[in-house]
Protein backbone atom coordinates (compact mmCIF):
# COMPACT_ATOMS: atom_id res chain seq x y z
CA UNK A 1 8.27 -25.63 46.22
CA UNK A 2 5.16 -23.77 46.20
CA UNK A 3 6.87 -20.71 46.29
CA UNK A 4 8.69 -22.41 42.74
CA UNK A 5 5.19 -23.20 41.32
CA UNK A 6 3.71 -20.13 41.83
CA UNK A 7 5.73 -18.09 40.53
CA UNK A 8 5.67 -20.88 37.05
CA UNK A 9 2.32 -20.60 36.81
CA UNK A 10 2.86 -17.09 36.83
CA UNK A 11 5.31 -16.85 34.28
CA UNK A 12 3.36 -19.43 31.88
CA UNK A 13 0.69 -16.64 32.36
CA UNK A 14 1.72 -13.95 30.83
CA UNK A 15 3.70 -16.11 28.33
CA UNK A 16 0.02 -16.72 27.60
CA UNK A 17 -0.66 -13.59 27.02
CA UNK A 18 2.08 -12.03 25.48
CA UNK A 19 1.75 -14.57 23.27
CA UNK A 20 -2.00 -13.34 22.21
CA UNK A 21 -0.58 -9.74 21.76
CA UNK A 22 1.45 -11.09 19.01
CA UNK A 23 -1.18 -13.40 17.63
CA UNK A 24 -3.28 -9.84 17.71
CA UNK A 25 -0.78 -7.88 16.52
CA UNK A 26 0.30 -10.14 13.30
CA UNK A 27 -3.07 -9.87 12.39
CA UNK A 28 -3.23 -6.28 12.79
CA UNK A 29 0.61 -6.11 11.43
CA UNK A 30 -1.59 -7.93 7.36
CA UNK A 31 -4.31 -5.56 7.79
CA UNK A 32 -1.74 -3.47 7.17
CA UNK A 33 0.14 -4.56 4.35
CA UNK A 34 -3.38 -4.98 3.05
CA UNK A 35 -4.47 -1.43 3.05
CA UNK A 36 -0.74 -0.32 1.88
CA UNK A 37 -1.23 -2.51 -1.16
CA UNK A 38 -4.42 -0.97 -1.82
CA UNK A 39 -3.05 2.29 -1.91
CA UNK A 40 -0.26 1.77 -3.70
CA UNK A 41 -2.75 -0.45 -6.54
CA UNK A 42 -5.21 2.59 -6.50
CA UNK A 43 -2.27 5.43 -7.26
CA UNK A 44 -0.49 3.17 -9.17
CA UNK A 45 -3.40 3.69 -11.34
CA UNK A 46 -4.14 6.71 -11.14
CA UNK A 47 -0.78 7.33 -12.90
CA UNK A 48 -0.87 4.86 -15.42
CA UNK A 49 -5.02 6.85 -16.43
CA UNK A 50 -2.82 10.71 -16.16
CA UNK A 51 0.06 9.69 -18.31
CA UNK A 52 -2.33 7.74 -21.00
CA UNK A 53 -4.24 11.21 -20.82
CA UNK A 54 -1.43 13.55 -21.08
CA UNK A 55 -0.15 10.82 -23.80
CA UNK A 56 -3.26 12.04 -25.67
CA UNK A 57 -2.91 15.93 -25.08
CA UNK A 58 -0.07 16.13 -26.35
CA UNK A 59 -1.43 14.33 -29.83
CA UNK A 60 -3.90 16.13 -30.12
CA UNK A 61 -1.65 19.80 -29.33
CA UNK A 62 0.92 18.20 -32.28
CA UNK A 63 -2.77 17.64 -34.30
CA UNK A 64 -3.31 21.82 -33.59
CA UNK A 65 -0.23 22.62 -34.15
CA UNK A 66 -0.02 21.06 -37.38
CA UNK A 67 -3.53 22.35 -38.99
CA UNK A 68 -2.08 25.81 -37.85
CA UNK A 69 1.08 25.34 -39.20
CA UNK A 70 2.78 26.51 -36.91
CA UNK A 71 4.82 22.64 -37.07
CA UNK A 72 5.72 21.73 -40.14
CA UNK A 73 4.32 18.17 -40.85
CA UNK A 74 5.73 15.61 -40.69
């Protein structure tokens, strides 16, 4: 009987350790997910900024072309 109780206690101890490991992994995974979300948000912000700048540059080039009469005015 003591042998079975000893084995059950060992199993319970291992399960408690596994629960703690899983809890820690969940926490770490949440941290990784937050960091990825921040990176994606940052990249989207940079993309929007570059896109806006390219649009303005395109407009300036078109205006220069019109002033130099390279293309007909619209």
